[in-house]
Amino acid sequence: MKYELIALLILTSSFVIAQSETLNYDLSVEGSSIGTLTAVKTVEGNNTTYAANSIATVHLFGETQITTYLIVKFTNGILQSSHYRIEKNGTLNDESTIILKNGVYNINHNGKTTQINSPITYTTTMLYFEEPKKVDTVFAELEGINKNIVNSGVSTYQLTDPGNHHTNNYTYENGVPKEALISHTLFNFKLSLKK
């Protein structure tokens, strides 16, 4: 009986149950809905995967459909890889791939390659699930750069792009963003958490 119990414990410990959390957001510009964003966090043992996909239709110089796909993988709290793809009207517009190999991040953003030698522990996708209470920089998966983030009020944070100085503002409720105001070159848009 003793050995059967030990064998049962070994078998059950080898099966890891994945836990998943999904958040849905409405995307809007000046109060008008333009699309949706879905963010998913999946935890399986020491591995955490974040995915964020959106689809939006904007009217700038005609109707444009913008679709984004992002998947980010962590092991033991360290970024392992990410792939970010943006399409406009079904055609690739922007793409970034990041892979950790032998302690070095190899970043390819639209064919331009760079490297980072220090561990990455917090990325922009995590902003959907974890309030950045003790974080001062956030790694942007698309551009492959760190952006500064500061607490600008109660459960409110401002993320600044060092290149163009655009700011994104996140307001949290119960640890997840209730809304975010995102700056863009051509327009600003708002993410609102769906109930």
N, C-alpha and C. Protein backbone atom coordinates (compact mmCIF):
# COMPACT_ATOMS: atom_id res chain seq x y z
N MET A 1 0.82 -1.20 0.00
CA MET A 1 0.00 0.00 0.00
C MET A 1 0.86 1.26 0.00
N LYS A 2 1.94 1.21 0.78
CA LYS A 2 2.84 2.36 0.89
C LYS A 2 3.44 2.69 -0.48
N TYR A 3 3.89 1.65 -1.21
CA TYR A 3 4.52 1.88 -2.51
C TYR A 3 3.51 2.34 -3.56
N GLU A 4 2.26 1.86 -3.44
CA GLU A 4 1.21 2.30 -4.36
C GLU A 4 0.91 3.78 -4.16
N LEU A 5 0.91 4.22 -2.91
CA LEU A 5 0.67 5.63 -2.60
C LEU A 5 1.80 6.50 -3.15
N ILE A 6 3.04 6.05 -3.00
CA ILE A 6 4.18 6.80 -3.52
C ILE A 6 4.11 6.88 -5.03
N ALA A 7 3.77 5.78 -5.68
CA ALA A 7 3.65 5.77 -7.14
C ALA A 7 2.54 6.70 -7.61
N LEU A 8 1.43 6.73 -6.87
CA LEU A 8 0.32 7.61 -7.21
C LEU A 8 0.72 9.08 -7.08
N LEU A 9 1.46 9.40 -6.02
CA LEU A 9 1.93 10.78 -5.82
C LEU A 9 2.88 11.20 -6.93
N ILE A 10 3.77 10.31 -7.36
CA ILE A 10 4.70 10.62 -8.44
C ILE A 10 3.95 10.87 -9.73
N LEU A 11 2.96 10.02 -10.02
CA LEU A 11 2.18 10.18 -11.24
C LEU A 11 1.39 11.47 -11.26
N THR A 12 0.73 11.78 -10.15
CA THR A 12 -0.10 12.99 -10.12
C THR A 12 0.76 14.26 -10.12
N SER A 13 1.96 14.20 -9.56
CA SER A 13 2.81 15.40 -9.56
C SER A 13 3.38 15.69 -10.93
N SER A 14 3.39 14.70 -11.83
CA SER A 14 3.93 14.94 -13.16
C SER A 14 2.91 15.60 -14.09
N PHE A 15 1.65 15.62 -13.67
CA PHE A 15 0.63 16.29 -14.46
C PHE A 15 0.41 17.69 -13.90
N VAL A 16 0.73 18.69 -14.71
CA VAL A 16 0.60 20.08 -14.27
C VAL A 16 -0.69 20.65 -14.85
N ILE A 17 -1.50 21.22 -13.98
CA ILE A 17 -2.76 21.80 -14.42
C ILE A 17 -2.53 23.25 -14.85
N ALA A 18 -2.92 23.56 -16.06
CA ALA A 18 -2.77 24.92 -16.57
C ALA A 18 -3.90 25.79 -16.04
N GLN A 19 -3.56 26.99 -15.62
CA GLN A 19 -4.55 27.96 -15.18
C GLN A 19 -4.56 29.10 -16.18
N SER A 20 -5.75 29.50 -16.60
CA SER A 20 -5.86 30.51 -17.64
C SER A 20 -6.79 31.64 -17.19
N GLU A 21 -6.44 32.86 -17.60
CA GLU A 21 -7.24 34.05 -17.30
C GLU A 21 -7.39 34.85 -18.59
N THR A 22 -8.61 35.26 -18.91
CA THR A 22 -8.88 36.00 -20.13
C THR A 22 -9.54 37.33 -19.81
N LEU A 23 -9.05 38.41 -20.43
CA LEU A 23 -9.62 39.74 -20.27
C LEU A 23 -9.99 40.27 -21.65
N ASN A 24 -11.16 40.88 -21.75
CA ASN A 24 -11.63 41.44 -23.02
C ASN A 24 -11.78 42.95 -22.89
N TYR A 25 -11.30 43.67 -23.90
CA TYR A 25 -11.33 45.13 -23.89
C TYR A 25 -12.02 45.66 -25.15
N ASP A 26 -12.71 46.77 -24.99
CA ASP A 26 -13.25 47.49 -26.12
C ASP A 26 -12.23 48.55 -26.51
N LEU A 27 -12.01 48.72 -27.81
CA LEU A 27 -11.13 49.77 -28.31
C LEU A 27 -11.99 50.88 -28.88
N SER A 28 -11.69 52.11 -28.50
CA SER A 28 -12.49 53.23 -29.00
C SER A 28 -11.62 54.45 -29.29
N VAL A 29 -12.10 55.28 -30.21
CA VAL A 29 -11.46 56.56 -30.54
C VAL A 29 -12.54 57.63 -30.42
N GLU A 30 -12.28 58.61 -29.56
CA GLU A 30 -13.22 59.71 -29.32
C GLU A 30 -14.63 59.19 -29.04
N GLY A 31 -14.73 58.13 -28.22
CA GLY A 31 -16.02 57.61 -27.79
C GLY A 31 -16.69 56.63 -28.74
N SER A 32 -16.12 56.43 -29.93
CA SER A 32 -16.70 55.50 -30.89
C SER A 32 -15.90 54.20 -30.91
N SER A 33 -16.59 53.07 -30.75
CA SER A 33 -15.93 51.77 -30.75
C SER A 33 -15.33 51.47 -32.12
N ILE A 34 -14.07 51.00 -32.12
CA ILE A 34 -13.41 50.64 -33.38
C ILE A 34 -13.02 49.17 -33.42
N GLY A 35 -13.14 48.46 -32.27
CA GLY A 35 -12.75 47.06 -32.26
C GLY A 35 -12.60 46.50 -30.86
N THR A 36 -11.91 45.36 -30.77
CA THR A 36 -11.74 44.68 -29.49
C THR A 36 -10.32 44.15 -29.34
N LEU A 37 -9.92 43.95 -28.10
CA LEU A 37 -8.65 43.33 -27.77
C LEU A 37 -8.91 42.25 -26.73
N THR A 38 -8.32 41.08 -26.93
CA THR A 38 -8.42 39.98 -25.98
C THR A 38 -7.03 39.63 -25.48
N ALA A 39 -6.87 39.61 -24.16
CA ALA A 39 -5.59 39.26 -23.54
C ALA A 39 -5.78 37.98 -22.73
N VAL A 40 -4.86 37.03 -22.88
CA VAL A 40 -4.96 35.74 -22.19
C VAL A 40 -3.64 35.46 -21.49
N LYS A 41 -3.73 35.06 -20.22
CA LYS A 41 -2.56 34.64 -19.45
C LYS A 41 -2.76 33.18 -19.06
N THR A 42 -1.77 32.33 -19.39
CA THR A 42 -1.85 30.91 -19.07
C THR A 42 -0.62 30.53 -18.26
N VAL A 43 -0.85 29.95 -17.08
CA VAL A 43 0.24 29.50 -16.21
C VAL A 43 0.23 27.98 -16.16
N GLU A 44 1.37 27.39 -16.46
CA GLU A 44 1.51 25.94 -16.42
C GLU A 44 2.86 25.61 -15.79
N GLY A 45 2.83 25.27 -14.50
CA GLY A 45 4.08 25.03 -13.77
C GLY A 45 4.89 26.30 -13.69
N ASN A 46 6.15 26.25 -14.13
CA ASN A 46 7.05 27.41 -14.11
C ASN A 46 6.93 28.27 -15.35
N ASN A 47 6.04 27.88 -16.27
CA ASN A 47 5.90 28.59 -17.54
C ASN A 47 4.64 29.45 -17.56
N THR A 48 4.80 30.67 -18.03
CA THR A 48 3.67 31.59 -18.18
C THR A 48 3.67 32.10 -19.61
N THR A 49 2.51 32.02 -20.25
CA THR A 49 2.36 32.52 -21.61
C THR A 49 1.31 33.62 -21.63
N TYR A 50 1.65 34.72 -22.26
CA TYR A 50 0.72 35.83 -22.45
C TYR A 50 0.41 35.95 -23.94
N ALA A 51 -0.84 36.18 -24.26
CA ALA A 51 -1.22 36.41 -25.65
C ALA A 51 -2.16 37.61 -25.68
N ALA A 52 -2.00 38.45 -26.69
CA ALA A 52 -2.88 39.60 -26.86
C ALA A 52 -3.16 39.76 -28.35
N ASN A 53 -4.41 39.68 -28.69
CA ASN A 53 -4.82 39.80 -30.09
C ASN A 53 -5.91 40.87 -30.19
N SER A 54 -5.81 41.68 -31.24
CA SER A 54 -6.83 42.72 -31.41
C SER A 54 -7.20 42.84 -32.88
N ILE A 55 -8.39 43.36 -33.09
CA ILE A 55 -8.84 43.70 -34.44
C ILE A 55 -9.60 45.02 -34.34
N ALA A 56 -9.24 45.95 -35.22
CA ALA A 56 -9.86 47.28 -35.19
C ALA A 56 -10.00 47.81 -36.61
N THR A 57 -11.04 48.59 -36.81
CA THR A 57 -11.26 49.24 -38.09
C THR A 57 -11.24 50.74 -37.87
N VAL A 58 -10.30 51.42 -38.53
CA VAL A 58 -10.17 52.87 -38.37
C VAL A 58 -10.40 53.53 -39.73
N HIS A 59 -10.83 54.77 -39.67
CA HIS A 59 -11.11 55.53 -40.89
C HIS A 59 -10.13 56.68 -41.01
N LEU A 60 -8.97 56.38 -41.57
CA LEU A 60 -7.94 57.37 -41.84
C LEU A 60 -7.54 57.21 -43.30
N PHE A 61 -7.85 58.21 -44.11
CA PHE A 61 -7.56 58.12 -45.54
C PHE A 61 -8.22 56.87 -46.13
N GLY A 62 -9.47 56.62 -45.73
CA GLY A 62 -10.17 55.40 -46.13
C GLY A 62 -10.24 54.43 -44.97
N GLU A 63 -10.95 53.36 -45.16
CA GLU A 63 -11.12 52.37 -44.08
C GLU A 63 -9.92 51.43 -44.03
N THR A 64 -9.37 51.26 -42.83
CA THR A 64 -8.22 50.38 -42.63
C THR A 64 -8.52 49.43 -41.49
N GLN A 65 -8.30 48.13 -41.74
CA GLN A 65 -8.46 47.14 -40.68
C GLN A 65 -7.08 46.78 -40.16
N ILE A 66 -6.89 46.96 -38.85
CA ILE A 66 -5.61 46.68 -38.20
C ILE A 66 -5.79 45.47 -37.28
N THR A 67 -4.95 44.47 -37.47
CA THR A 67 -5.00 43.26 -36.66
C THR A 67 -3.64 43.05 -36.01
N THR A 68 -3.64 42.75 -34.72
CA THR A 68 -2.38 42.49 -34.02
C THR A 68 -2.41 41.11 -33.39
N TYR A 69 -1.23 40.48 -33.38
CA TYR A 69 -1.05 39.17 -32.76
C TYR A 69 0.21 39.25 -31.92
N LEU A 70 0.11 38.86 -30.66
CA LEU A 70 1.29 38.88 -29.78
C LEU A 70 1.26 37.67 -28.88
N ILE A 71 2.38 36.95 -28.81
CA ILE A 71 2.52 35.85 -27.85
C ILE A 71 3.87 36.01 -27.17
N VAL A 72 3.86 35.91 -25.84
CA VAL A 72 5.05 36.14 -25.03
C VAL A 72 5.18 34.98 -24.04
N LYS A 73 6.38 34.40 -23.95
CA LYS A 73 6.59 33.23 -23.08
C LYS A 73 7.66 33.52 -22.04
N PHE A 74 7.33 33.17 -20.78
CA PHE A 74 8.24 33.31 -19.65
C PHE A 74 8.46 31.96 -18.99
N THR A 75 9.66 31.75 -18.44
CA THR A 75 9.95 30.60 -17.60
C THR A 75 10.62 31.12 -16.34
N ASN A 76 10.08 30.75 -15.19
CA ASN A 76 10.61 31.20 -13.90
C ASN A 76 10.75 32.73 -13.84
N GLY A 77 9.79 33.44 -14.45
CA GLY A 77 9.76 34.89 -14.39
C GLY A 77 10.71 35.59 -15.35
N ILE A 78 11.36 34.85 -16.24
CA ILE A 78 12.31 35.43 -17.20
C ILE A 78 11.75 35.25 -18.61
N LEU A 79 11.74 36.34 -19.39
CA LEU A 79 11.28 36.26 -20.77
C LEU A 79 12.12 35.28 -21.56
N GLN A 80 11.43 34.37 -22.29
CA GLN A 80 12.11 33.39 -23.14
C GLN A 80 11.97 33.74 -24.62
N SER A 81 10.78 34.21 -25.00
CA SER A 81 10.57 34.55 -26.41
C SER A 81 9.30 35.38 -26.55
N SER A 82 9.23 36.07 -27.68
CA SER A 82 7.99 36.77 -28.03
C SER A 82 7.92 36.93 -29.53
N HIS A 83 6.70 37.02 -30.01
CA HIS A 83 6.49 37.27 -31.44
C HIS A 83 5.31 38.23 -31.56
N TYR A 84 5.54 39.36 -32.20
CA TYR A 84 4.53 40.41 -32.36
C TYR A 84 4.36 40.67 -33.86
N ARG A 85 3.11 40.65 -34.32
CA ARG A 85 2.83 40.85 -35.74
C ARG A 85 1.65 41.81 -35.87
N ILE A 86 1.80 42.83 -36.73
CA ILE A 86 0.73 43.77 -37.01
C ILE A 86 0.43 43.73 -38.50
N GLU A 87 -0.84 43.59 -38.81
CA GLU A 87 -1.26 43.58 -40.21
C GLU A 87 -2.23 44.72 -40.46
N LYS A 88 -2.11 45.32 -41.64
CA LYS A 88 -3.07 46.33 -42.10
C LYS A 88 -3.74 45.79 -43.36
N ASN A 89 -5.05 45.66 -43.29
CA ASN A 89 -5.83 45.11 -44.41
C ASN A 89 -5.25 43.78 -44.89
N GLY A 90 -4.84 42.94 -43.92
CA GLY A 90 -4.34 41.60 -44.23
C GLY A 90 -2.91 41.52 -44.70
N THR A 91 -2.21 42.65 -44.76
CA THR A 91 -0.81 42.67 -45.21
C THR A 91 0.09 43.02 -44.04
N LEU A 92 1.21 42.29 -43.91
CA LEU A 92 2.15 42.55 -42.83
C LEU A 92 2.62 43.99 -42.85
N ASN A 93 2.54 44.65 -41.68
CA ASN A 93 2.95 46.05 -41.55
C ASN A 93 4.13 46.22 -40.61
N ASP A 94 4.19 45.39 -39.56
CA ASP A 94 5.24 45.52 -38.55
C ASP A 94 5.39 44.16 -37.87
N GLU A 95 6.65 43.76 -37.58
CA GLU A 95 6.86 42.45 -36.96
C GLU A 95 8.12 42.46 -36.13
N SER A 96 8.05 41.78 -34.99
CA SER A 96 9.20 41.68 -34.10
C SER A 96 9.25 40.28 -33.48
N THR A 97 10.46 39.69 -33.48
CA THR A 97 10.68 38.39 -32.85
C THR A 97 11.83 38.52 -31.87
N ILE A 98 11.63 37.98 -30.66
CA ILE A 98 12.67 38.02 -29.63
C ILE A 98 12.88 36.60 -29.11
N ILE A 99 14.13 36.15 -29.08
CA ILE A 99 14.45 34.81 -28.60
C ILE A 99 15.64 34.89 -27.66
N LEU A 100 15.51 34.26 -26.48
CA LEU A 100 16.62 34.18 -25.53
C LEU A 100 17.44 32.93 -25.83
N LYS A 101 18.74 33.12 -26.06
CA LYS A 101 19.63 31.99 -26.34
C LYS A 101 20.97 32.24 -25.66
N ASN A 102 21.37 31.30 -24.80
CA ASN A 102 22.64 31.40 -24.06
C ASN A 102 22.76 32.71 -23.30
N GLY A 103 21.65 33.16 -22.69
CA GLY A 103 21.66 34.35 -21.86
C GLY A 103 21.60 35.66 -22.63
N VAL A 104 21.44 35.60 -23.95
CA VAL A 104 21.39 36.82 -24.77
C VAL A 104 20.06 36.84 -25.54
N TYR A 105 19.40 38.00 -25.51
CA TYR A 105 18.17 38.18 -26.29
C TYR A 105 18.55 38.64 -27.70
N ASN A 106 18.10 37.88 -28.68
CA ASN A 106 18.27 38.26 -30.08
C ASN A 106 16.96 38.85 -30.56
N ILE A 107 16.99 40.13 -30.94
CA ILE A 107 15.78 40.86 -31.32
C ILE A 107 15.83 41.17 -32.81
N ASN A 108 14.77 40.82 -33.51
CA ASN A 108 14.66 41.13 -34.93
C ASN A 108 13.37 41.92 -35.12
N HIS A 109 13.53 43.21 -35.42
CA HIS A 109 12.38 44.09 -35.66
C HIS A 109 12.43 44.55 -37.10
N ASN A 110 11.56 43.96 -37.91
CA ASN A 110 11.50 44.28 -39.34
C ASN A 110 12.86 44.15 -40.02
N GLY A 111 13.61 43.10 -39.66
CA GLY A 111 14.90 42.84 -40.30
C GLY A 111 16.09 43.49 -39.62
N LYS A 112 15.84 44.44 -38.72
CA LYS A 112 16.93 45.08 -37.98
C LYS A 112 17.18 44.28 -36.70
N THR A 113 18.41 43.83 -36.49
CA THR A 113 18.71 42.98 -35.35
C THR A 113 19.50 43.73 -34.28
N THR A 114 19.15 43.45 -33.03
CA THR A 114 19.86 43.99 -31.87
C THR A 114 19.94 42.89 -30.83
N GLN A 115 20.72 43.14 -29.78
CA GLN A 115 20.85 42.17 -28.70
C GLN A 115 20.77 42.88 -27.34
N ILE A 116 20.26 42.13 -26.36
CA ILE A 116 20.22 42.59 -24.98
C ILE A 116 20.81 41.47 -24.12
N ASN A 117 21.70 41.85 -23.18
CA ASN A 117 22.41 40.85 -22.39
C ASN A 117 21.91 40.69 -20.96
N SER A 118 20.88 41.46 -20.57
CA SER A 118 20.38 41.34 -19.19
C SER A 118 18.98 40.74 -19.19
N PRO A 119 18.61 40.01 -18.12
CA PRO A 119 17.31 39.35 -18.07
C PRO A 119 16.14 40.34 -18.15
N ILE A 120 15.10 39.95 -18.86
CA ILE A 120 13.89 40.77 -18.98
C ILE A 120 12.81 40.09 -18.14
N THR A 121 12.24 40.85 -17.19
CA THR A 121 11.27 40.25 -16.26
C THR A 121 9.89 40.87 -16.33
N TYR A 122 9.74 41.99 -17.04
CA TYR A 122 8.42 42.64 -17.13
C TYR A 122 8.26 43.25 -18.52
N THR A 123 7.20 42.84 -19.22
CA THR A 123 6.95 43.34 -20.58
C THR A 123 5.58 44.01 -20.64
N THR A 124 5.33 44.73 -21.74
CA THR A 124 4.08 45.49 -21.86
C THR A 124 2.84 44.60 -21.78
N THR A 125 2.92 43.37 -22.28
CA THR A 125 1.75 42.48 -22.23
C THR A 125 1.33 42.19 -20.79
N MET A 126 2.29 42.16 -19.88
CA MET A 126 1.99 41.89 -18.47
C MET A 126 1.16 43.01 -17.84
N LEU A 127 1.17 44.20 -18.46
CA LEU A 127 0.39 45.32 -17.92
C LEU A 127 -1.11 44.99 -17.87
N TYR A 128 -1.56 44.05 -18.70
CA TYR A 128 -2.98 43.65 -18.68
C TYR A 128 -3.34 42.83 -17.44
N PHE A 129 -2.34 42.22 -16.81
CA PHE A 129 -2.64 41.27 -15.73
C PHE A 129 -2.00 41.60 -14.40
N GLU A 130 -0.94 42.40 -14.39
CA GLU A 130 -0.21 42.64 -13.15
C GLU A 130 0.07 44.13 -13.00
N GLU A 131 -0.54 44.73 -12.01
CA GLU A 131 -0.31 46.15 -11.75
C GLU A 131 1.17 46.37 -11.45
N PRO A 132 1.82 47.30 -12.15
CA PRO A 132 3.28 47.49 -12.02
C PRO A 132 3.68 48.29 -10.79
N LYS A 133 3.33 47.79 -9.61
CA LYS A 133 3.55 48.55 -8.38
C LYS A 133 5.02 48.81 -8.08
N LYS A 134 5.89 47.84 -8.37
CA LYS A 134 7.31 48.01 -8.04
C LYS A 134 8.17 47.94 -9.29
N VAL A 135 7.65 48.49 -10.38
CA VAL A 135 8.34 48.44 -11.67
C VAL A 135 8.63 49.86 -12.14
N ASP A 136 9.87 50.09 -12.63
CA ASP A 136 10.17 51.43 -13.16
C ASP A 136 10.47 51.41 -14.66
N THR A 137 10.71 50.22 -15.23
CA THR A 137 10.85 50.10 -16.68
C THR A 137 10.06 48.89 -17.17
N VAL A 138 9.51 49.02 -18.36
CA VAL A 138 8.74 47.95 -18.98
C VAL A 138 9.33 47.71 -20.36
N PHE A 139 9.56 46.44 -20.69
CA PHE A 139 10.14 46.11 -21.99
C PHE A 139 9.03 46.02 -23.03
N ALA A 140 9.17 46.76 -24.13
CA ALA A 140 8.19 46.77 -25.21
C ALA A 140 8.56 45.71 -26.24
N GLU A 141 7.69 44.71 -26.40
CA GLU A 141 7.99 43.58 -27.28
C GLU A 141 8.13 43.99 -28.74
N LEU A 142 7.35 44.96 -29.20
CA LEU A 142 7.42 45.34 -30.61
C LEU A 142 8.73 46.05 -30.94
N GLU A 143 9.04 47.10 -30.20
CA GLU A 143 10.23 47.91 -30.50
C GLU A 143 11.52 47.28 -29.97
N GLY A 144 11.40 46.39 -28.97
CA GLY A 144 12.58 45.78 -28.38
C GLY A 144 13.36 46.74 -27.52
N ILE A 145 12.64 47.64 -26.83
CA ILE A 145 13.30 48.64 -25.98
C ILE A 145 12.59 48.72 -24.63
N ASN A 146 13.29 49.30 -23.65
CA ASN A 146 12.68 49.57 -22.35
C ASN A 146 12.01 50.93 -22.37
N LYS A 147 10.85 50.99 -21.72
CA LYS A 147 10.13 52.25 -21.57
C LYS A 147 9.96 52.52 -20.08
N ASN A 148 10.07 53.78 -19.70
CA ASN A 148 9.91 54.16 -18.30
C ASN A 148 8.44 54.18 -17.92
N ILE A 149 8.16 53.73 -16.69
CA ILE A 149 6.80 53.77 -16.17
C ILE A 149 6.84 54.37 -14.77
N VAL A 150 5.91 55.29 -14.50
CA VAL A 150 5.85 55.94 -13.18
C VAL A 150 4.42 55.88 -12.66
N ASN A 151 4.32 55.83 -11.34
CA ASN A 151 3.02 55.90 -10.68
C ASN A 151 2.57 57.35 -10.71
N SER A 152 1.42 57.61 -11.35
CA SER A 152 0.96 59.00 -11.48
C SER A 152 -0.30 59.28 -10.67
N GLY A 153 -0.61 58.40 -9.72
CA GLY A 153 -1.79 58.56 -8.87
C GLY A 153 -2.18 57.22 -8.28
N VAL A 154 -3.31 57.17 -7.61
CA VAL A 154 -3.76 55.93 -7.00
C VAL A 154 -4.10 54.93 -8.10
N SER A 155 -3.32 53.84 -8.16
CA SER A 155 -3.51 52.78 -9.17
C SER A 155 -3.53 53.31 -10.59
N THR A 156 -2.75 54.37 -10.83
CA THR A 156 -2.63 54.97 -12.16
C THR A 156 -1.16 55.07 -12.53
N TYR A 157 -0.82 54.70 -13.78
CA TYR A 157 0.57 54.65 -14.21
C TYR A 157 0.72 55.27 -15.59
N GLN A 158 1.87 55.90 -15.81
CA GLN A 158 2.16 56.50 -17.10
C GLN A 158 3.41 55.85 -17.69
N LEU A 159 3.26 55.29 -18.89
CA LEU A 159 4.34 54.64 -19.62
C LEU A 159 4.79 55.59 -20.72
N THR A 160 6.12 55.86 -20.81
CA THR A 160 6.63 56.84 -21.77
C THR A 160 7.61 56.18 -22.74
N ASP A 161 7.40 56.43 -24.03
CA ASP A 161 8.30 55.95 -25.06
C ASP A 161 9.48 56.92 -25.15
N PRO A 162 10.73 56.44 -24.95
CA PRO A 162 11.87 57.36 -24.96
C PRO A 162 12.17 57.95 -26.33
N GLY A 163 11.70 57.31 -27.40
CA GLY A 163 11.98 57.79 -28.75
C GLY A 163 11.10 58.94 -29.18
N ASN A 164 9.77 58.76 -29.06
CA ASN A 164 8.85 59.80 -29.53
C ASN A 164 8.14 60.53 -28.39
N HIS A 165 8.41 60.13 -27.16
CA HIS A 165 7.85 60.73 -25.94
C HIS A 165 6.33 60.59 -25.84
N HIS A 166 5.74 59.68 -26.63
CA HIS A 166 4.31 59.39 -26.46
C HIS A 166 4.10 58.73 -25.11
N THR A 167 2.95 59.02 -24.49
CA THR A 167 2.65 58.43 -23.19
C THR A 167 1.37 57.61 -23.26
N ASN A 168 1.37 56.50 -22.52
CA ASN A 168 0.18 55.68 -22.34
C ASN A 168 -0.15 55.71 -20.86
N ASN A 169 -1.43 55.86 -20.55
CA ASN A 169 -1.87 55.95 -19.16
C ASN A 169 -2.79 54.78 -18.82
N TYR A 170 -2.45 54.08 -17.73
CA TYR A 170 -3.20 52.89 -17.30
C TYR A 170 -3.83 53.14 -15.94
N THR A 171 -5.12 52.83 -15.82
CA THR A 171 -5.82 52.94 -14.54
C THR A 171 -6.28 51.55 -14.13
N TYR A 172 -5.87 51.12 -12.93
CA TYR A 172 -6.13 49.76 -12.46
C TYR A 172 -7.25 49.70 -11.44
N GLU A 173 -7.93 48.57 -11.43
CA GLU A 173 -8.94 48.26 -10.43
C GLU A 173 -8.82 46.78 -10.12
N ASN A 174 -8.62 46.45 -8.86
CA ASN A 174 -8.41 45.06 -8.44
C ASN A 174 -7.27 44.38 -9.20
N GLY A 175 -6.21 45.13 -9.48
CA GLY A 175 -5.01 44.56 -10.08
C GLY A 175 -4.98 44.47 -11.59
N VAL A 176 -6.09 44.78 -12.27
CA VAL A 176 -6.10 44.74 -13.74
C VAL A 176 -6.51 46.11 -14.27
N PRO A 177 -6.05 46.48 -15.48
CA PRO A 177 -6.40 47.80 -15.99
C PRO A 177 -7.88 47.91 -16.32
N LYS A 178 -8.52 48.87 -15.69
CA LYS A 178 -9.93 49.17 -15.98
C LYS A 178 -10.01 49.90 -17.32
N GLU A 179 -9.01 50.77 -17.57
CA GLU A 179 -8.92 51.45 -18.85
C GLU A 179 -7.49 51.90 -19.09
N ALA A 180 -7.20 52.12 -20.36
CA ALA A 180 -5.89 52.63 -20.75
C ALA A 180 -6.07 53.61 -21.89
N LEU A 181 -5.34 54.71 -21.82
CA LEU A 181 -5.34 55.72 -22.89
C LEU A 181 -4.00 55.61 -23.61
N ILE A 182 -4.06 55.23 -24.89
CA ILE A 182 -2.87 54.92 -25.67
C ILE A 182 -2.62 56.01 -26.71
N SER A 183 -1.40 56.57 -26.70
CA SER A 183 -1.02 57.58 -27.68
C SER A 183 -0.50 56.90 -28.94
N HIS A 184 -0.91 57.42 -30.08
CA HIS A 184 -0.48 56.92 -31.37
C HIS A 184 -0.13 58.11 -32.25
N THR A 185 0.71 57.91 -33.23
CA THR A 185 1.14 59.01 -34.09
C THR A 185 -0.05 59.71 -34.76
N LEU A 186 -1.01 58.93 -35.28
CA LEU A 186 -2.13 59.51 -36.02
C LEU A 186 -3.37 59.76 -35.17
N PHE A 187 -3.54 58.99 -34.10
CA PHE A 187 -4.72 59.15 -33.25
C PHE A 187 -4.45 58.52 -31.89
N ASN A 188 -5.25 58.90 -30.90
CA ASN A 188 -5.19 58.29 -29.58
C ASN A 188 -6.40 57.38 -29.42
N PHE A 189 -6.23 56.25 -28.74
CA PHE A 189 -7.37 55.38 -28.53
C PHE A 189 -7.45 54.93 -27.08
N LYS A 190 -8.59 54.41 -26.72
CA LYS A 190 -8.87 54.02 -25.35
C LYS A 190 -9.23 52.55 -25.28
N LEU A 191 -8.68 51.85 -24.30
CA LEU A 191 -9.06 50.48 -23.99
C LEU A 191 -9.93 50.51 -22.75
N SER A 192 -11.08 49.86 -22.81
CA SER A 192 -11.99 49.80 -21.66
C SER A 192 -12.31 48.34 -21.38
N LEU A 193 -12.09 47.93 -20.13
CA LEU A 193 -12.34 46.55 -19.74
C LEU A 193 -13.83 46.24 -19.82
N LYS A 194 -14.16 45.14 -20.53
CA LYS A 194 -15.56 44.72 -20.61
C LYS A 194 -15.92 43.95 -19.36
N LYS A 195 -17.12 44.19 -18.86
CA LYS A 195 -17.59 43.51 -17.64
C LYS A 195 -18.14 42.15 -17.98
